[in-house]
Amino acid sequence: MNDFVPKKIFFTKGVGSHKEELHSFELALRSAGIEKCNLVMVSSIFPPGCKVVSRERGLKELKPGNITYCVMSRNCSNEPRRLIAASVGCAIPADKSAYGYISEHHAFGKTERESGDYAEDLAAAMLASTLGIDFNIDASWDEKEEIFKISGKIVKTRNVTQSAIVKNAGHTSVLAAAVFLF
């Protein structure tokens, strides 16, 4: 059987506004650069040995009509002045032969930083639990960072987050995505 494991991944985000909800989502996809793909949402595993590449490099590898696997968070509202956010967090193990985790989170009334930190913490908590690390998602960042350093098992966490304030007319959509490349 063929090995169907992504070799590369990139992170992207986008925002769009329009009177129609679907069109606002399409504009957010364009903003993220992935509108030309047939997107297939997958769950939360960062493949062993997967290499993170820049958004620019990743977008160059996409072709119109590609079946493209991604982990995506999206959010939309038409409530004027509403703060919305969509985040994807990632936790990568130090052992390159092990898998990591990707999380999705969307929020109302949370800043880009708050949403991004939360998504990152979710991914780290999922990875920590599989590695046998006691990880309290509610602990301060300094405490969590210390756990990472002491354990030596989690090498990197990151997030990509898009937030926006809904305009007075129509819908605003935000999205964040981890896009897999083969």
Protein backbone atom coordinates (compact mmCIF):
# COMPACT_ATOMS: atom_id res chain seq x y z
CA MET A 1 0.00 0.00 0.00
CA ASN A 2 1.19 3.52 -0.81
CA ASP A 3 2.45 5.71 1.99
CA PHE A 4 0.06 8.67 1.99
CA VAL A 5 1.73 10.83 4.63
CA PRO A 6 2.30 14.54 3.98
CA LYS A 7 5.95 15.57 3.73
CA LYS A 8 5.44 19.31 4.18
CA ILE A 9 3.03 21.70 5.84
CA PHE A 10 2.43 25.45 5.79
CA PHE A 11 0.25 27.76 7.82
CA THR A 12 -2.00 30.46 6.40
CA LYS A 13 -4.85 32.74 7.40
CA GLY A 14 -7.40 35.04 5.81
CA VAL A 15 -10.33 37.39 6.29
CA GLY A 16 -13.19 38.40 4.03
CA SER A 17 -16.31 40.58 4.24
CA HIS A 18 -19.39 40.57 2.03
CA LYS A 19 -23.16 40.89 2.33
CA GLU A 20 -23.45 37.12 1.67
CA GLU A 21 -21.91 34.67 4.17
CA LEU A 22 -20.65 32.23 1.53
CA HIS A 23 -19.00 35.01 -0.43
CA SER A 24 -17.31 36.34 2.72
CA PHE A 25 -15.85 32.85 3.27
CA GLU A 26 -14.66 32.73 -0.36
CA LEU A 27 -12.92 36.08 0.14
CA ALA A 28 -11.26 34.74 3.33
CA LEU A 29 -10.03 31.72 1.31
CA ARG A 30 -8.61 34.13 -1.29
CA SER A 31 -6.94 36.16 1.42
CA ALA A 32 -5.34 32.93 2.68
CA GLY A 33 -4.33 31.95 -0.88
CA ILE A 34 -6.12 28.59 -0.88
CA GLU A 35 -9.32 29.43 -2.77
CA LYS A 36 -8.30 27.49 -5.88
CA CYS A 37 -8.11 24.14 -4.06
CA ASN A 38 -10.67 21.48 -3.24
CA LEU A 39 -10.17 21.47 0.51
CA VAL A 40 -10.55 18.31 2.56
CA MET A 41 -10.65 18.86 6.31
CA VAL A 42 -8.70 16.35 8.35
CA SER A 43 -8.16 15.90 12.06
CA SER A 44 -5.29 16.87 14.27
CA ILE A 45 -2.10 14.88 13.62
CA PHE A 46 1.17 16.58 12.65
CA PRO A 47 2.90 13.79 10.66
CA PRO A 48 6.28 12.40 11.77
CA GLY A 49 9.13 14.03 9.85
CA CYS A 50 6.86 16.65 8.28
CA LYS A 51 8.73 19.84 7.37
CA VAL A 52 7.22 23.27 8.02
CA VAL A 53 7.66 25.53 4.98
CA SER A 54 6.79 29.19 4.52
CA ARG A 55 3.35 30.24 3.33
CA GLU A 56 4.88 31.64 0.13
CA ARG A 57 6.68 28.38 -0.67
CA GLY A 58 3.62 26.29 0.16
CA LEU A 59 1.28 28.37 -1.99
CA LYS A 60 3.64 27.93 -4.97
CA GLU A 61 3.15 24.15 -4.76
CA LEU A 62 -0.65 24.35 -5.02
CA LYS A 63 -2.36 23.97 -8.39
CA PRO A 64 -5.95 24.92 -9.25
CA GLY A 65 -8.26 22.02 -8.54
CA ASN A 66 -5.82 20.19 -6.22
CA ILE A 67 -7.42 17.95 -3.63
CA THR A 68 -5.77 19.65 -0.64
CA TYR A 69 -5.82 18.32 2.89
CA CYS A 70 -5.85 20.80 5.74
CA VAL A 71 -6.74 21.40 9.34
CA MET A 72 -8.91 24.51 9.33
CA SER A 73 -10.62 26.72 11.86
CA ARG A 74 -13.20 29.19 10.63
CA ASN A 75 -15.58 31.68 12.15
CA CYS A 76 -18.19 34.06 10.76
CA SER A 77 -20.62 36.66 12.07
CA ASN A 78 -22.89 39.40 10.82
CA GLU A 79 -23.21 41.09 14.22
CA PRO A 80 -21.78 44.61 13.83
CA ARG A 81 -18.65 45.35 15.88
CA ARG A 82 -18.34 41.70 17.00
CA LEU A 83 -14.74 40.50 17.47
CA ILE A 84 -14.20 37.07 15.90
CA ALA A 85 -11.13 34.86 15.62
CA ALA A 86 -10.03 31.56 14.09
CA SER A 87 -6.82 29.81 15.19
CA VAL A 88 -4.80 26.72 14.43
CA GLY A 89 -2.22 25.67 17.00
CA CYS A 90 0.61 23.19 16.53
CA ALA A 91 2.89 21.25 18.88
CA ILE A 92 5.87 19.44 17.38
CA PRO A 93 7.79 16.76 19.32
CA ALA A 94 11.57 16.83 19.65
CA ASP A 95 11.66 13.26 18.30
CA LYS A 96 11.21 13.72 14.53
CA SER A 97 10.00 10.12 14.18
CA ALA A 98 7.03 10.86 16.49
CA TYR A 99 3.84 12.63 15.55
CA GLY A 100 2.65 15.97 16.90
CA TYR A 101 -0.71 17.67 17.19
CA ILE A 102 -2.62 20.41 15.44
CA SER A 103 -5.63 22.04 17.10
CA GLU A 104 -8.45 24.22 15.82
CA HIS A 105 -10.09 26.93 17.87
CA HIS A 106 -12.56 29.68 17.03
CA ALA A 107 -13.78 32.36 19.39
CA PHE A 108 -16.00 35.37 19.81
CA GLY A 109 -14.78 38.36 21.83
CA LYS A 110 -11.18 37.10 22.12
CA THR A 111 -8.18 38.91 20.69
CA GLU A 112 -5.88 37.38 18.10
CA ARG A 113 -3.25 36.77 20.78
CA GLU A 114 -5.70 35.19 23.26
CA SER A 115 -7.13 32.87 20.60
CA GLY A 116 -3.71 31.95 19.23
CA ASP A 117 -2.26 31.21 22.64
CA TYR A 118 -5.28 29.04 23.49
CA ALA A 119 -5.01 27.03 20.24
CA GLU A 120 -1.28 26.55 20.84
CA ASP A 121 -1.96 25.38 24.40
CA LEU A 122 -4.59 22.90 23.16
CA ALA A 123 -2.11 21.32 20.75
CA ALA A 124 0.61 21.22 23.41
CA ALA A 125 -1.76 19.62 25.92
CA MET A 126 -2.74 16.89 23.44
CA LEU A 127 0.91 16.17 22.61
CA ALA A 128 1.95 16.27 26.26
CA SER A 129 -0.70 13.70 27.20
CA THR A 130 0.60 11.23 24.59
CA LEU A 131 4.18 11.77 25.81
CA GLY A 132 3.29 11.24 29.45
CA ILE A 133 3.94 14.87 30.43
CA ASP A 134 1.69 16.39 33.09
CA PHE A 135 0.44 19.56 31.39
CA ASN A 136 -2.06 21.99 32.90
CA ILE A 137 -3.63 24.09 30.14
CA ASP A 138 -4.65 26.69 32.75
CA ALA A 139 -1.10 27.21 34.07
CA SER A 140 0.81 30.38 33.22
CA TRP A 141 2.96 30.42 30.08
CA ASP A 142 6.14 30.48 32.18
CA GLU A 143 5.07 27.28 33.98
CA LYS A 144 4.20 25.55 30.68
CA GLU A 145 7.44 26.68 29.04
CA GLU A 146 9.37 25.26 31.99
CA ILE A 147 7.59 21.90 31.57
CA PHE A 148 8.59 21.87 27.88
CA LYS A 149 12.23 22.59 28.73
CA ILE A 150 12.43 20.04 31.54
CA SER A 151 10.74 17.27 29.56
CA GLY A 152 12.87 17.79 26.45
CA LYS A 153 10.05 16.09 24.51
CA ILE A 154 8.26 19.08 22.97
CA VAL A 155 10.51 21.12 20.71
CA LYS A 156 8.20 23.77 19.30
CA THR A 157 4.71 25.18 19.50
CA ARG A 158 3.19 27.74 17.17
CA ASN A 159 -0.10 29.13 15.98
CA VAL A 160 -1.62 30.99 13.09
CA THR A 161 -4.59 33.19 13.93
CA GLN A 162 -6.86 35.59 12.10
CA SER A 163 -9.15 37.98 13.93
CA ALA A 164 -11.45 40.72 12.70
CA ILE A 165 -14.14 43.07 13.86
CA VAL A 166 -17.38 42.61 11.91
CA LYS A 167 -18.25 45.59 9.76
CA ASN A 168 -21.64 47.29 10.04
CA ALA A 169 -23.19 45.57 7.02
CA GLY A 170 -22.92 41.97 5.92
CA HIS A 171 -20.83 39.03 7.06
CA THR A 172 -17.19 38.79 8.03
CA SER A 173 -15.38 35.45 7.87
CA VAL A 174 -11.99 34.56 9.32
CA LEU A 175 -9.99 31.38 8.86
CA ALA A 176 -6.70 29.83 9.87
CA ALA A 177 -5.32 26.67 8.28
CA ALA A 178 -2.49 24.18 8.36
CA VAL A 179 -2.17 22.96 4.76
CA PHE A 180 -0.50 19.63 3.94
CA LEU A 181 1.71 19.06 0.89
CA PHE A 182 2.79 15.72 -0.55
